[in-house]
Amino acid sequence: MSKSLVSRFKSELRTTTDLMELVDVLKRVALSQFHTLDSTRQRLGWRRSETPTAGNSLIGDPSLLVSDEPTTLARRDVKGPALSLSVVLEQFFRLIPPERCRHPFLSRPAPPLGVVIVTSDEGFLGGLNSAVIQRALAAREGQPAELMVLGGRGKNYFTDIEQPFTQFPGIGEHIVSERVEALRDHIVAQFLRRKLARVLVVYPRPLSFTQQEVHAVQLLPYERPPRGSGVGPAEPTETILEPSAHSIIEYLIKLWLSRQLHEVFWQSRLAELGARAMHLEASFLELAQHKKKQTLQYFRGLHEVTDTSIRETYAGVVARRREAAEPHR
C-alpha cells in the first residue's frame, strides 16, 4: 500500500470526524428547538392577536382556547371560567334548531376537494415530507383537487411533477399569525365562492418525541356535534340571535378555523423538529460506524506502509553490509 493511499485514508477520516461534529450540532439545535417550542406552547397558549374575538364576552380571552376539555384551564394564572372554542361552538349549536343553522360552512361534504399539504422548508427529516405528500395525493381518490402547499419541499415536488398548486409560505421557525390568516382567508374565499365544497389538511403530528405520524383532518365543512353530546341544554331553546344566525355561524367557524390551523402549525413544527433530531441521530450513528471502519483501514494501511519501510530499511542495511564485506573475501 502506497503512502498516498494512506494519506487519502487520513483525509477521509478527518472529513468524517468533521461531519460527525456538524451533525451532532444540528441534532442538538433541533432538540433545543423542540423542547423550547413545546414548553412555550404548553405554558403560553396563543396570544390575543392570533385569535381575535373583537370583545366577544361569550368566547373570552383567546389565550385560553388551547384545550378541548371543558374543565381544563389552559393557564392557571387566569381567574374565572375558560371555555374552549370547541365547547362554545357545541353550546351554540345545541341552542339553535337545525333549521336555523343554514350556512355553506355546515353543508355536507362534496366535490370539489381542496387539500392543504404542510411540508417543511428544510431537510434532514427522513421520509416525513414524502409520507405527507403521498397521503395528500391518496386523499384525492383519483379525482381532481385544488392543492394548497406549504413549505419548500412540497413546492419542489409538485413543481417537478408539473402538478398545479397554490403556494403558501412554510411555517418557519416561529408560528406567524399572518401566515395562518392568509391561509384561512384563502380557504374561506374559495369555499364561499363554491370553488371548494370540502377542505382537508394533511400534516405531520408528533405521537412522541421519537415518533411522528401523518394525519388528515377535515377543516370545512364544519361537522356540527350531534345531539345528546357535550354540555349545555339537551334540546334547543328559544334563542334570540343578533345580528343573524348566518353571521354568527360564519364568525365562529372562521375563529374555529384559525384555531385549527394554529394547532396544525404547532403540531407540524414539533413533528418536524422531532423527526429532524431522530434522523440526525441515526446519521450520527451511521457515521460513527463508518468512522470505525475508516480508522481500521487507516491504521492497517499505516502499519503496512511502516512495515514495508522497515523491511526496505533492513534490506538496505543488509545489502550495505554485504557490499562492505565483499572486498575482504
C-alpha atoms as a PDB file:
ATOM      1  CA  MET A   1       0.000   0.000   0.000  1.00  0.00           C
ATOM      2  CA  SER A   2       1.369   3.395  -1.015  1.00  0.00           C
ATOM      3  CA  LYS A   3       1.822   6.414   1.224  1.00  0.00           C
ATOM      4  CA  SER A   4      -0.522   8.442  -0.996  1.00  0.00           C
ATOM      5  CA  LEU A   5      -3.299   5.951  -0.311  1.00  0.00           C
ATOM      6  CA  VAL A   6      -2.709   6.177   3.441  1.00  0.00           C
ATOM      7  CA  SER A   7      -2.817   9.980   3.164  1.00  0.00           C
ATOM      8  CA  ARG A   8      -6.155   9.690   1.396  1.00  0.00           C
ATOM      9  CA  PHE A   9      -7.484   7.453   4.189  1.00  0.00           C
ATOM     10  CA  LYS A  10      -6.333  10.020   6.743  1.00  0.00           C
ATOM     11  CA  SER A  11      -8.056  12.840   4.855  1.00  0.00           C
ATOM     12  CA  GLU A  12     -11.307  10.866   4.613  1.00  0.00           C
ATOM     13  CA  LEU A  13     -11.149  10.071   8.334  1.00  0.00           C
ATOM     14  CA  ARG A  14     -10.731  13.764   9.152  1.00  0.00           C
ATOM     15  CA  THR A  15     -13.656  14.652   6.886  1.00  0.00           C
ATOM     16  CA  THR A  16     -15.887  12.073   8.591  1.00  0.00           C
ATOM     17  CA  THR A  17     -14.926  13.406  12.021  1.00  0.00           C
ATOM     18  CA  ASP A  18     -15.777  16.983  10.982  1.00  0.00           C
ATOM     19  CA  LEU A  19     -19.081  15.817   9.511  1.00  0.00           C
ATOM     20  CA  MET A  20     -19.959  13.992  12.737  1.00  0.00           C
ATOM     21  CA  GLU A  21     -19.343  17.177  14.707  1.00  0.00           C
ATOM     22  CA  LEU A  22     -21.604  19.139  12.341  1.00  0.00           C
ATOM     23  CA  VAL A  23     -24.386  16.547  12.512  1.00  0.00           C
ATOM     24  CA  ASP A  24     -24.147  16.498  16.299  1.00  0.00           C
ATOM     25  CA  VAL A  25     -24.509  20.299  16.453  1.00  0.00           C
ATOM     26  CA  LEU A  26     -27.549  20.214  14.148  1.00  0.00           C
ATOM     27  CA  LYS A  27     -29.095  17.464  16.245  1.00  0.00           C
ATOM     28  CA  ARG A  28     -28.622  19.437  19.466  1.00  0.00           C
ATOM     29  CA  VAL A  29     -30.147  22.527  17.852  1.00  0.00           C
ATOM     30  CA  ALA A  30     -33.218  20.531  16.789  1.00  0.00           C
ATOM     31  CA  LEU A  31     -33.530  19.089  20.306  1.00  0.00           C
ATOM     32  CA  SER A  32     -33.320  22.531  21.881  1.00  0.00           C
ATOM     33  CA  GLN A  33     -35.863  23.997  19.461  1.00  0.00           C
ATOM     34  CA  PHE A  34     -38.284  21.130  20.065  1.00  0.00           C
ATOM     35  CA  HIS A  35     -38.253  21.459  23.847  1.00  0.00           C
ATOM     36  CA  THR A  36     -38.412  25.257  23.701  1.00  0.00           C
ATOM     37  CA  LEU A  37     -41.367  25.223  21.322  1.00  0.00           C
ATOM     38  CA  ASP A  38     -43.190  22.518  23.269  1.00  0.00           C
ATOM     39  CA  SER A  39     -42.757  24.269  26.613  1.00  0.00           C
ATOM     40  CA  THR A  40     -43.795  27.615  25.102  1.00  0.00           C
ATOM     41  CA  ARG A  41     -46.906  26.078  23.592  1.00  0.00           C
ATOM     42  CA  GLN A  42     -47.939  24.438  26.847  1.00  0.00           C
ATOM     43  CA  ARG A  43     -47.140  27.445  29.003  1.00  0.00           C
ATOM     44  CA  LEU A  44     -48.454  30.355  26.972  1.00  0.00           C
ATOM     45  CA  GLY A  45     -51.035  29.064  24.518  1.00  0.00           C
ATOM     46  CA  TRP A  46     -51.738  31.674  21.816  1.00  0.00           C
ATOM     47  CA  ARG A  47     -51.579  35.416  22.004  1.00  0.00           C
ATOM     48  CA  ARG A  48     -54.623  37.641  21.718  1.00  0.00           C
ATOM     49  CA  SER A  49     -53.647  38.885  18.260  1.00  0.00           C
ATOM     50  CA  GLU A  50     -53.654  35.340  16.884  1.00  0.00           C
ATOM     51  CA  THR A  51     -57.333  34.622  17.501  1.00  0.00           C
ATOM     52  CA  PRO A  52     -59.126  37.976  17.774  1.00  0.00           C
ATOM     53  CA  THR A  53     -62.504  37.985  19.476  1.00  0.00           C
ATOM     54  CA  ALA A  54     -63.432  41.628  18.942  1.00  0.00           C
ATOM     55  CA  GLY A  55     -64.588  41.818  22.535  1.00  0.00           C
ATOM     56  CA  ASN A  56     -66.954  38.847  22.359  1.00  0.00           C
ATOM     57  CA  SER A  57     -67.701  38.057  26.004  1.00  0.00           C
ATOM     58  CA  LEU A  58     -69.022  34.599  25.156  1.00  0.00           C
ATOM     59  CA  ILE A  59     -65.629  33.438  23.959  1.00  0.00           C
ATOM     60  CA  GLY A  60     -63.492  35.366  26.419  1.00  0.00           C
ATOM     61  CA  ASP A  61     -59.727  35.531  26.305  1.00  0.00           C
ATOM     62  CA  PRO A  62     -58.486  33.589  23.236  1.00  0.00           C
ATOM     63  CA  SER A  63     -55.263  32.754  25.050  1.00  0.00           C
ATOM     64  CA  LEU A  64     -57.379  30.288  26.991  1.00  0.00           C
ATOM     65  CA  LEU A  65     -58.558  28.485  23.873  1.00  0.00           C
ATOM     66  CA  VAL A  66     -55.980  25.734  23.966  1.00  0.00           C
ATOM     67  CA  SER A  67     -57.610  22.675  25.457  1.00  0.00           C
ATOM     68  CA  ASP A  68     -60.715  20.911  24.197  1.00  0.00           C
ATOM     69  CA  GLU A  69     -61.524  19.666  27.672  1.00  0.00           C
ATOM     70  CA  PRO A  70     -64.429  21.687  29.139  1.00  0.00           C
ATOM     71  CA  THR A  71     -62.996  21.724  32.650  1.00  0.00           C
ATOM     72  CA  THR A  72     -59.364  22.323  31.778  1.00  0.00           C
ATOM     73  CA  LEU A  73     -57.831  25.766  32.093  1.00  0.00           C
ATOM     74  CA  ALA A  74     -55.082  26.482  29.614  1.00  0.00           C
ATOM     75  CA  ARG A  75     -53.487  28.962  32.014  1.00  0.00           C
ATOM     76  CA  ARG A  76     -53.652  28.608  35.764  1.00  0.00           C
ATOM     77  CA  ASP A  77     -52.834  32.260  36.425  1.00  0.00           C
ATOM     78  CA  VAL A  78     -56.079  33.493  34.828  1.00  0.00           C
ATOM     79  CA  LYS A  79     -59.067  33.691  37.154  1.00  0.00           C
ATOM     80  CA  GLY A  80     -62.623  32.851  36.116  1.00  0.00           C
ATOM     81  CA  PRO A  81     -64.126  30.223  33.801  1.00  0.00           C
ATOM     82  CA  ALA A  82     -62.425  29.480  30.496  1.00  0.00           C
ATOM     83  CA  LEU A  83     -64.441  27.860  27.716  1.00  0.00           C
ATOM     84  CA  SER A  84     -62.589  26.290  24.834  1.00  0.00           C
ATOM     85  CA  LEU A  85     -63.750  27.297  21.384  1.00  0.00           C
ATOM     86  CA  SER A  86     -64.959  23.777  20.636  1.00  0.00           C
ATOM     87  CA  VAL A  87     -67.200  23.905  23.696  1.00  0.00           C
ATOM     88  CA  VAL A  88     -68.505  27.340  22.705  1.00  0.00           C
ATOM     89  CA  LEU A  89     -69.444  26.027  19.272  1.00  0.00           C
ATOM     90  CA  GLU A  90     -71.067  22.939  20.731  1.00  0.00           C
ATOM     91  CA  GLN A  91     -73.133  25.002  23.147  1.00  0.00           C
ATOM     92  CA  PHE A  92     -74.144  27.382  20.387  1.00  0.00           C
ATOM     93  CA  PHE A  93     -75.361  24.669  18.026  1.00  0.00           C
ATOM     94  CA  ARG A  94     -77.211  22.913  20.820  1.00  0.00           C
ATOM     95  CA  LEU A  95     -79.112  26.147  21.484  1.00  0.00           C
ATOM     96  CA  ILE A  96     -80.107  26.675  17.850  1.00  0.00           C
ATOM     97  CA  PRO A  97     -82.544  24.400  15.986  1.00  0.00           C
ATOM     98  CA  PRO A  98     -81.089  22.787  12.848  1.00  0.00           C
ATOM     99  CA  GLU A  99     -83.489  24.672  10.556  1.00  0.00           C
ATOM    100  CA  ARG A 100     -81.980  27.972  11.703  1.00  0.00           C
ATOM    101  CA  CYS A 101     -78.417  26.764  11.169  1.00  0.00           C
ATOM    102  CA  ARG A 102     -78.074  27.164   7.426  1.00  0.00           C
ATOM    103  CA  HIS A 103     -74.664  28.148   6.109  1.00  0.00           C
ATOM    104  CA  PRO A 104     -72.221  26.814   3.469  1.00  0.00           C
ATOM    105  CA  PHE A 105     -69.802  26.055   6.300  1.00  0.00           C
ATOM    106  CA  LEU A 106     -72.301  23.460   7.597  1.00  0.00           C
ATOM    107  CA  SER A 107     -73.273  21.787   4.306  1.00  0.00           C
ATOM    108  CA  ARG A 108     -72.482  18.148   3.578  1.00  0.00           C
ATOM    109  CA  PRO A 109     -69.017  17.323   2.214  1.00  0.00           C
ATOM    110  CA  ALA A 110     -68.950  17.057  -1.576  1.00  0.00           C
ATOM    111  CA  PRO A 111     -66.617  17.611  -4.542  1.00  0.00           C
ATOM    112  CA  PRO A 112     -64.642  19.613  -5.494  1.00  0.00           C
ATOM    113  CA  LEU A 113     -61.979  18.904  -2.904  1.00  0.00           C
ATOM    114  CA  GLY A 114     -59.247  21.159  -1.561  1.00  0.00           C
ATOM    115  CA  VAL A 115     -56.187  19.681   0.166  1.00  0.00           C
ATOM    116  CA  VAL A 116     -53.823  21.694   2.354  1.00  0.00           C
ATOM    117  CA  ILE A 117     -50.408  19.995   2.400  1.00  0.00           C
ATOM    118  CA  VAL A 118     -47.994  21.020   5.152  1.00  0.00           C
ATOM    119  CA  THR A 119     -44.350  20.245   4.342  1.00  0.00           C
ATOM    120  CA  SER A 120     -41.011  21.526   5.574  1.00  0.00           C
ATOM    121  CA  ASP A 121     -38.721  24.215   4.215  1.00  0.00           C
ATOM    122  CA  GLU A 122     -35.685  22.248   5.340  1.00  0.00           C
ATOM    123  CA  GLY A 123     -34.328  18.752   5.009  1.00  0.00           C
ATOM    124  CA  PHE A 124     -32.981  16.050   7.339  1.00  0.00           C
ATOM    125  CA  LEU A 125     -36.493  14.708   8.004  1.00  0.00           C
ATOM    126  CA  GLY A 126     -36.087  11.218   6.644  1.00  0.00           C
ATOM    127  CA  GLY A 127     -39.196  10.305   4.687  1.00  0.00           C
ATOM    128  CA  LEU A 128     -41.637  12.517   6.613  1.00  0.00           C
ATOM    129  CA  ASN A 129     -42.241  15.018   3.806  1.00  0.00           C
ATOM    130  CA  SER A 130     -42.683  12.224   1.283  1.00  0.00           C
ATOM    131  CA  ALA A 131     -45.194  10.499   3.570  1.00  0.00           C
ATOM    132  CA  VAL A 132     -47.225  13.719   3.892  1.00  0.00           C
ATOM    133  CA  ILE A 133     -47.263  14.243   0.123  1.00  0.00           C
ATOM    134  CA  GLN A 134     -48.258  10.649  -0.628  1.00  0.00           C
ATOM    135  CA  ARG A 135     -51.055  10.778   1.967  1.00  0.00           C
ATOM    136  CA  ALA A 136     -52.347  14.001   0.415  1.00  0.00           C
ATOM    137  CA  LEU A 137     -52.311  12.543  -3.096  1.00  0.00           C
ATOM    138  CA  ALA A 138     -54.138   9.450  -1.864  1.00  0.00           C
ATOM    139  CA  ALA A 139     -56.820  11.650  -0.270  1.00  0.00           C
ATOM    140  CA  ARG A 140     -57.870  12.843  -3.726  1.00  0.00           C
ATOM    141  CA  GLU A 141     -59.118   9.316  -4.507  1.00  0.00           C
ATOM    142  CA  GLY A 142     -58.325   9.788  -8.185  1.00  0.00           C
ATOM    143  CA  GLN A 143     -60.393  12.972  -8.533  1.00  0.00           C
ATOM    144  CA  PRO A 144     -59.157  16.494  -9.357  1.00  0.00           C
ATOM    145  CA  ALA A 145     -58.453  18.636  -6.332  1.00  0.00           C
ATOM    146  CA  GLU A 146     -57.045  22.047  -5.559  1.00  0.00           C
ATOM    147  CA  LEU A 147     -53.729  21.647  -3.770  1.00  0.00           C
ATOM    148  CA  MET A 148     -52.559  24.292  -1.294  1.00  0.00           C
ATOM    149  CA  VAL A 149     -48.918  23.582  -0.500  1.00  0.00           C
ATOM    150  CA  LEU A 150     -46.932  24.966   2.429  1.00  0.00           C
ATOM    151  CA  GLY A 151     -43.154  24.612   2.540  1.00  0.00           C
ATOM    152  CA  GLY A 152     -40.314  24.381   0.064  1.00  0.00           C
ATOM    153  CA  ARG A 153     -40.167  20.578  -0.055  1.00  0.00           C
ATOM    154  CA  GLY A 154     -43.740  20.286  -1.233  1.00  0.00           C
ATOM    155  CA  LYS A 155     -43.224  23.108  -3.705  1.00  0.00           C
ATOM    156  CA  ASN A 156     -40.198  21.360  -5.223  1.00  0.00           C
ATOM    157  CA  TYR A 157     -42.034  18.053  -5.527  1.00  0.00           C
ATOM    158  CA  PHE A 158     -45.148  19.370  -7.254  1.00  0.00           C
ATOM    159  CA  THR A 159     -43.069  21.628  -9.487  1.00  0.00           C
ATOM    160  CA  ASP A 160     -41.028  18.628 -10.625  1.00  0.00           C
ATOM    161  CA  ILE A 161     -44.112  16.575 -11.496  1.00  0.00           C
ATOM    162  CA  GLU A 162     -45.787  19.644 -13.074  1.00  0.00           C
ATOM    163  CA  GLN A 163     -48.820  19.424 -10.801  1.00  0.00           C
ATOM    164  CA  PRO A 164     -50.750  22.727 -10.423  1.00  0.00           C
ATOM    165  CA  PHE A 165     -50.903  24.043  -6.871  1.00  0.00           C
ATOM    166  CA  THR A 166     -51.291  27.206  -4.834  1.00  0.00           C
ATOM    167  CA  GLN A 167     -48.166  28.029  -2.890  1.00  0.00           C
ATOM    168  CA  PHE A 168     -48.094  29.401   0.647  1.00  0.00           C
ATOM    169  CA  PRO A 169     -45.054  30.197   2.814  1.00  0.00           C
ATOM    170  CA  GLY A 170     -43.818  27.439   5.098  1.00  0.00           C
ATOM    171  CA  ILE A 171     -44.248  27.507   8.844  1.00  0.00           C
ATOM    172  CA  GLY A 172     -40.694  28.662   9.516  1.00  0.00           C
ATOM    173  CA  GLU A 173     -39.039  28.807  12.907  1.00  0.00           C
ATOM    174  CA  HIS A 174     -41.908  30.683  14.537  1.00  0.00           C
ATOM    175  CA  ILE A 175     -45.677  30.378  14.265  1.00  0.00           C
ATOM    176  CA  VAL A 176     -46.612  33.606  12.456  1.00  0.00           C
ATOM    177  CA  SER A 177     -50.241  34.751  12.718  1.00  0.00           C
ATOM    178  CA  GLU A 178     -50.194  36.454   9.327  1.00  0.00           C
ATOM    179  CA  ARG A 179     -49.438  33.157   7.585  1.00  0.00           C
ATOM    180  CA  VAL A 180     -52.292  31.426   9.378  1.00  0.00           C
ATOM    181  CA  GLU A 181     -54.700  34.208   8.486  1.00  0.00           C
ATOM    182  CA  ALA A 182     -53.604  34.268   4.832  1.00  0.00           C
ATOM    183  CA  LEU A 183     -54.240  30.537   4.507  1.00  0.00           C
ATOM    184  CA  ARG A 184     -57.558  30.768   6.356  1.00  0.00           C
ATOM    185  CA  ASP A 185     -58.777  33.657   4.194  1.00  0.00           C
ATOM    186  CA  HIS A 186     -57.902  31.776   1.007  1.00  0.00           C
ATOM    187  CA  ILE A 187     -59.745  28.661   2.169  1.00  0.00           C
ATOM    188  CA  VAL A 188     -62.817  30.639   3.233  1.00  0.00           C
ATOM    189  CA  ALA A 189     -62.917  32.638  -0.008  1.00  0.00           C
ATOM    190  CA  GLN A 190     -62.669  29.521  -2.178  1.00  0.00           C
ATOM    191  CA  PHE A 191     -65.282  27.741  -0.097  1.00  0.00           C
ATOM    192  CA  LEU A 192     -67.819  30.583  -0.143  1.00  0.00           C
ATOM    193  CA  ARG A 193     -67.344  31.012  -3.899  1.00  0.00           C
ATOM    194  CA  ARG A 194     -68.331  27.342  -4.276  1.00  0.00           C
ATOM    195  CA  LYS A 195     -64.976  26.505  -5.836  1.00  0.00           C
ATOM    196  CA  LEU A 196     -64.450  24.054  -2.978  1.00  0.00           C
ATOM    197  CA  ALA A 197     -67.044  22.017  -1.117  1.00  0.00           C
ATOM    198  CA  ARG A 198     -64.679  20.158   1.169  1.00  0.00           C
ATOM    199  CA  VAL A 199     -61.252  21.035   2.572  1.00  0.00           C
ATOM    200  CA  LEU A 200     -58.772  18.638   4.158  1.00  0.00           C
ATOM    201  CA  VAL A 201     -55.436  19.394   5.752  1.00  0.00           C
ATOM    202  CA  VAL A 202     -52.677  16.764   5.702  1.00  0.00           C
ATOM    203  CA  TYR A 203     -49.801  17.341   8.083  1.00  0.00           C
ATOM    204  CA  PRO A 204     -47.321  15.535  10.344  1.00  0.00           C
ATOM    205  CA  ARG A 205     -48.002  15.387  14.056  1.00  0.00           C
ATOM    206  CA  PRO A 206     -45.854  14.029  16.893  1.00  0.00           C
ATOM    207  CA  LEU A 207     -47.055  10.997  18.795  1.00  0.00           C
ATOM    208  CA  SER A 208     -43.955  11.445  20.937  1.00  0.00           C
ATOM    209  CA  PHE A 209     -40.550  13.000  20.515  1.00  0.00           C
ATOM    210  CA  THR A 210     -39.273   9.921  18.705  1.00  0.00           C
ATOM    211  CA  GLN A 211     -42.366   9.041  16.671  1.00  0.00           C
ATOM    212  CA  GLN A 212     -44.415  11.022  14.166  1.00  0.00           C
ATOM    213  CA  GLU A 213     -47.420  10.195  12.033  1.00  0.00           C
ATOM    214  CA  VAL A 214     -49.161  11.763   9.061  1.00  0.00           C
ATOM    215  CA  HIS A 215     -52.627  12.979   9.989  1.00  0.00           C
ATOM    216  CA  ALA A 216     -55.513  14.224   7.853  1.00  0.00           C
ATOM    217  CA  VAL A 217     -58.418  16.231   9.256  1.00  0.00           C
ATOM    218  CA  GLN A 218     -61.399  17.933   7.654  1.00  0.00           C
ATOM    219  CA  LEU A 219     -61.447  21.699   8.061  1.00  0.00           C
ATOM    220  CA  LEU A 220     -64.608  22.503   6.112  1.00  0.00           C
ATOM    221  CA  PRO A 221     -67.480  21.958   6.205  1.00  0.00           C
ATOM    222  CA  TYR A 222     -67.683  22.093   9.968  1.00  0.00           C
ATOM    223  CA  GLU A 223     -69.164  18.948  11.474  1.00  0.00           C
ATOM    224  CA  ARG A 224     -71.939  20.021  13.783  1.00  0.00           C
ATOM    225  CA  PRO A 225     -71.853  17.985  17.032  1.00  0.00           C
ATOM    226  CA  PRO A 226     -74.723  15.505  17.360  1.00  0.00           C
ATOM    227  CA  ARG A 227     -77.455  15.997  19.905  1.00  0.00           C
ATOM    228  CA  GLY A 228     -77.025  14.386  23.277  1.00  0.00           C
ATOM    229  CA  SER A 229     -73.287  15.023  23.462  1.00  0.00           C
ATOM    230  CA  GLY A 230     -71.223  17.507  25.412  1.00  0.00           C
ATOM    231  CA  VAL A 231     -72.511  20.202  27.731  1.00  0.00           C
ATOM    232  CA  GLY A 232     -75.455  22.571  27.594  1.00  0.00           C
ATOM    233  CA  PRO A 233     -79.195  22.003  27.298  1.00  0.00           C
ATOM    234  CA  ALA A 234     -80.339  18.696  25.828  1.00  0.00           C
ATOM    235  CA  GLU A 235     -82.788  20.350  23.421  1.00  0.00           C
ATOM    236  CA  PRO A 236     -82.652  23.678  21.555  1.00  0.00           C
ATOM    237  CA  THR A 237     -84.402  26.509  23.356  1.00  0.00           C
ATOM    238  CA  GLU A 238     -85.924  29.744  22.117  1.00  0.00           C
ATOM    239  CA  THR A 239     -82.929  31.950  21.450  1.00  0.00           C
ATOM    240  CA  ILE A 240     -82.656  35.465  20.075  1.00  0.00           C
ATOM    241  CA  LEU A 241     -79.762  35.835  17.647  1.00  0.00           C
ATOM    242  CA  GLU A 242     -78.355  39.210  16.709  1.00  0.00           C
ATOM    243  CA  PRO A 243     -77.492  40.190  14.055  1.00  0.00           C
ATOM    244  CA  SER A 244     -78.366  36.797  12.492  1.00  0.00           C
ATOM    245  CA  ALA A 245     -77.600  33.109  12.810  1.00  0.00           C
ATOM    246  CA  HIS A 246     -75.784  33.211   9.455  1.00  0.00           C
ATOM    247  CA  SER A 247     -73.410  35.977  10.594  1.00  0.00           C
ATOM    248  CA  ILE A 248     -72.744  34.367  13.969  1.00  0.00           C
ATOM    249  CA  ILE A 249     -72.063  30.969  12.397  1.00  0.00           C
ATOM    250  CA  GLU A 250     -69.666  32.479   9.876  1.00  0.00           C
ATOM    251  CA  TYR A 251     -67.794  34.392  12.576  1.00  0.00           C
ATOM    252  CA  LEU A 252     -67.485  31.424  14.940  1.00  0.00           C
ATOM    253  CA  ILE A 253     -66.441  28.978  12.208  1.00  0.00           C
ATOM    254  CA  LYS A 254     -63.782  31.391  10.956  1.00  0.00           C
ATOM    255  CA  LEU A 255     -62.498  31.741  14.503  1.00  0.00           C
ATOM    256  CA  TRP A 256     -62.524  27.965  14.917  1.00  0.00           C
ATOM    257  CA  LEU A 257     -60.739  27.553  11.575  1.00  0.00           C
ATOM    258  CA  SER A 258     -57.964  29.902  12.728  1.00  0.00           C
ATOM    259  CA  ARG A 259     -57.609  27.864  15.888  1.00  0.00           C
ATOM    260  CA  GLN A 260     -57.418  24.612  13.941  1.00  0.00           C
ATOM    261  CA  LEU A 261     -54.762  25.978  11.604  1.00  0.00           C
ATOM    262  CA  HIS A 262     -52.749  27.263  14.557  1.00  0.00           C
ATOM    263  CA  GLU A 263     -52.862  23.788  16.076  1.00  0.00           C
ATOM    264  CA  VAL A 264     -51.835  22.248  12.742  1.00  0.00           C
ATOM    265  CA  PHE A 265     -48.874  24.630  12.546  1.00  0.00           C
ATOM    266  CA  TRP A 266     -47.795  23.850  16.116  1.00  0.00           C
ATOM    267  CA  GLN A 267     -48.060  20.104  15.604  1.00  0.00           C
ATOM    268  CA  SER A 268     -46.288  20.206  12.233  1.00  0.00           C
ATOM    269  CA  ARG A 269     -43.392  22.225  13.599  1.00  0.00           C
ATOM    270  CA  LEU A 270     -42.979  19.900  16.587  1.00  0.00           C
ATOM    271  CA  ALA A 271     -43.115  16.829  14.344  1.00  0.00           C
ATOM    272  CA  GLU A 272     -40.559  18.392  12.007  1.00  0.00           C
ATOM    273  CA  LEU A 273     -38.098  19.105  14.819  1.00  0.00           C
ATOM    274  CA  GLY A 274     -38.553  15.664  16.352  1.00  0.00           C
ATOM    275  CA  ALA A 275     -38.096  13.930  13.001  1.00  0.00           C
ATOM    276  CA  ARG A 276     -35.016  16.016  12.256  1.00  0.00           C
ATOM    277  CA  ALA A 277     -33.413  15.197  15.606  1.00  0.00           C
ATOM    278  CA  MET A 278     -34.078  11.469  15.161  1.00  0.00           C
ATOM    279  CA  HIS A 279     -32.841  11.465  11.556  1.00  0.00           C
ATOM    280  CA  LEU A 280     -29.661  13.294  12.544  1.00  0.00           C
ATOM    281  CA  GLU A 281     -29.135  10.883  15.437  1.00  0.00           C
ATOM    282  CA  ALA A 282     -29.401   7.957  13.009  1.00  0.00           C
ATOM    283  CA  SER A 283     -26.989   9.702  10.646  1.00  0.00           C
ATOM    284  CA  PHE A 284     -24.574  10.316  13.519  1.00  0.00           C
ATOM    285  CA  LEU A 285     -24.605   6.638  14.481  1.00  0.00           C
ATOM    286  CA  GLU A 286     -24.110   5.623  10.857  1.00  0.00           C
ATOM    287  CA  LEU A 287     -21.159   7.990  10.554  1.00  0.00           C
ATOM    288  CA  ALA A 288     -19.719   6.606  13.793  1.00  0.00           C
ATOM    289  CA  GLN A 289     -19.801   3.087  12.333  1.00  0.00           C
ATOM    290  CA  HIS A 290     -18.262   4.360   9.120  1.00  0.00           C
ATOM    291  CA  LYS A 291     -15.565   6.136  11.120  1.00  0.00           C
ATOM    292  CA  LYS A 292     -14.648   2.887  12.869  1.00  0.00           C
ATOM    293  CA  LYS A 293     -14.143   1.185   9.517  1.00  0.00           C
ATOM    294  CA  GLN A 294     -12.121   4.112   8.213  1.00  0.00           C
ATOM    295  CA  THR A 295      -9.979   4.129  11.359  1.00  0.00           C
ATOM    296  CA  LEU A 296      -9.215   0.421  10.994  1.00  0.00           C
ATOM    297  CA  GLN A 297      -8.485   0.925   7.290  1.00  0.00           C
ATOM    298  CA  TYR A 298      -6.188   3.858   8.003  1.00  0.00           C
ATOM    299  CA  PHE A 299      -4.191   2.128  10.731  1.00  0.00           C
ATOM    300  CA  ARG A 300      -3.978  -1.066   8.672  1.00  0.00           C
ATOM    301  CA  GLY A 301      -2.587   0.930   5.784  1.00  0.00           C
ATOM    302  CA  LEU A 302      -0.279   2.863   8.096  1.00  0.00           C
ATOM    303  CA  HIS A 303       1.055  -0.375   9.572  1.00  0.00           C
ATOM    304  CA  GLU A 304       1.590  -1.816   6.103  1.00  0.00           C
ATOM    305  CA  VAL A 305       3.485   1.275   4.974  1.00  0.00           C
ATOM    306  CA  THR A 306       5.509   1.290   8.189  1.00  0.00           C
ATOM    307  CA  ASP A 307       6.237  -2.426   7.880  1.00  0.00           C
ATOM    308  CA  THR A 308       7.255  -2.005   4.252  1.00  0.00           C
ATOM    309  CA  SER A 309       9.508   0.897   5.188  1.00  0.00           C
ATOM    310  CA  ILE A 310      11.142  -1.132   7.967  1.00  0.00           C
ATOM    311  CA  ARG A 311      11.650  -4.096   5.629  1.00  0.00           C
ATOM    312  CA  GLU A 312      13.170  -1.870   2.951  1.00  0.00           C
ATOM    313  CA  THR A 313      15.404  -0.176   5.506  1.00  0.00           C
ATOM    314  CA  TYR A 314      16.516  -3.524   6.915  1.00  0.00           C
ATOM    315  CA  ALA A 315      17.118  -4.913   3.418  1.00  0.00           C
ATOM    316  CA  GLY A 316      19.219  -1.833   2.591  1.00  0.00           C
ATOM    317  CA  VAL A 317      21.299  -2.233   5.754  1.00  0.00           C
ATOM    318  CA  VAL A 318      21.882  -5.924   4.990  1.00  0.00           C
ATOM    319  CA  ALA A 319      22.818  -5.111   1.394  1.00  0.00           C
ATOM    320  CA  ARG A 320      25.322  -2.477   2.502  1.00  0.00           C
ATOM    321  CA  ARG A 321      26.874  -4.842   4.997  1.00  0.00           C
ATOM    322  CA  ARG A 322      27.252  -7.471   2.297  1.00  0.00           C
ATOM    323  CA  GLU A 323      28.816  -4.922  -0.036  1.00  0.00           C
ATOM    324  CA  ALA A 324      31.175  -3.847   2.720  1.00  0.00           C
ATOM    325  CA  ALA A 325      32.165  -7.482   3.444  1.00  0.00           C
ATOM    326  CA  GLU A 326      32.854  -8.469  -0.204  1.00  0.00           C
ATOM    327  CA  PRO A 327      36.290  -6.729  -0.613  1.00  0.00           C
ATOM    328  CA  HIS A 328      37.701  -8.741   2.307  1.00  0.00           C
ATOM    329  CA  ARG A 329      36.903 -12.080   0.663  1.00  0.00           C
END
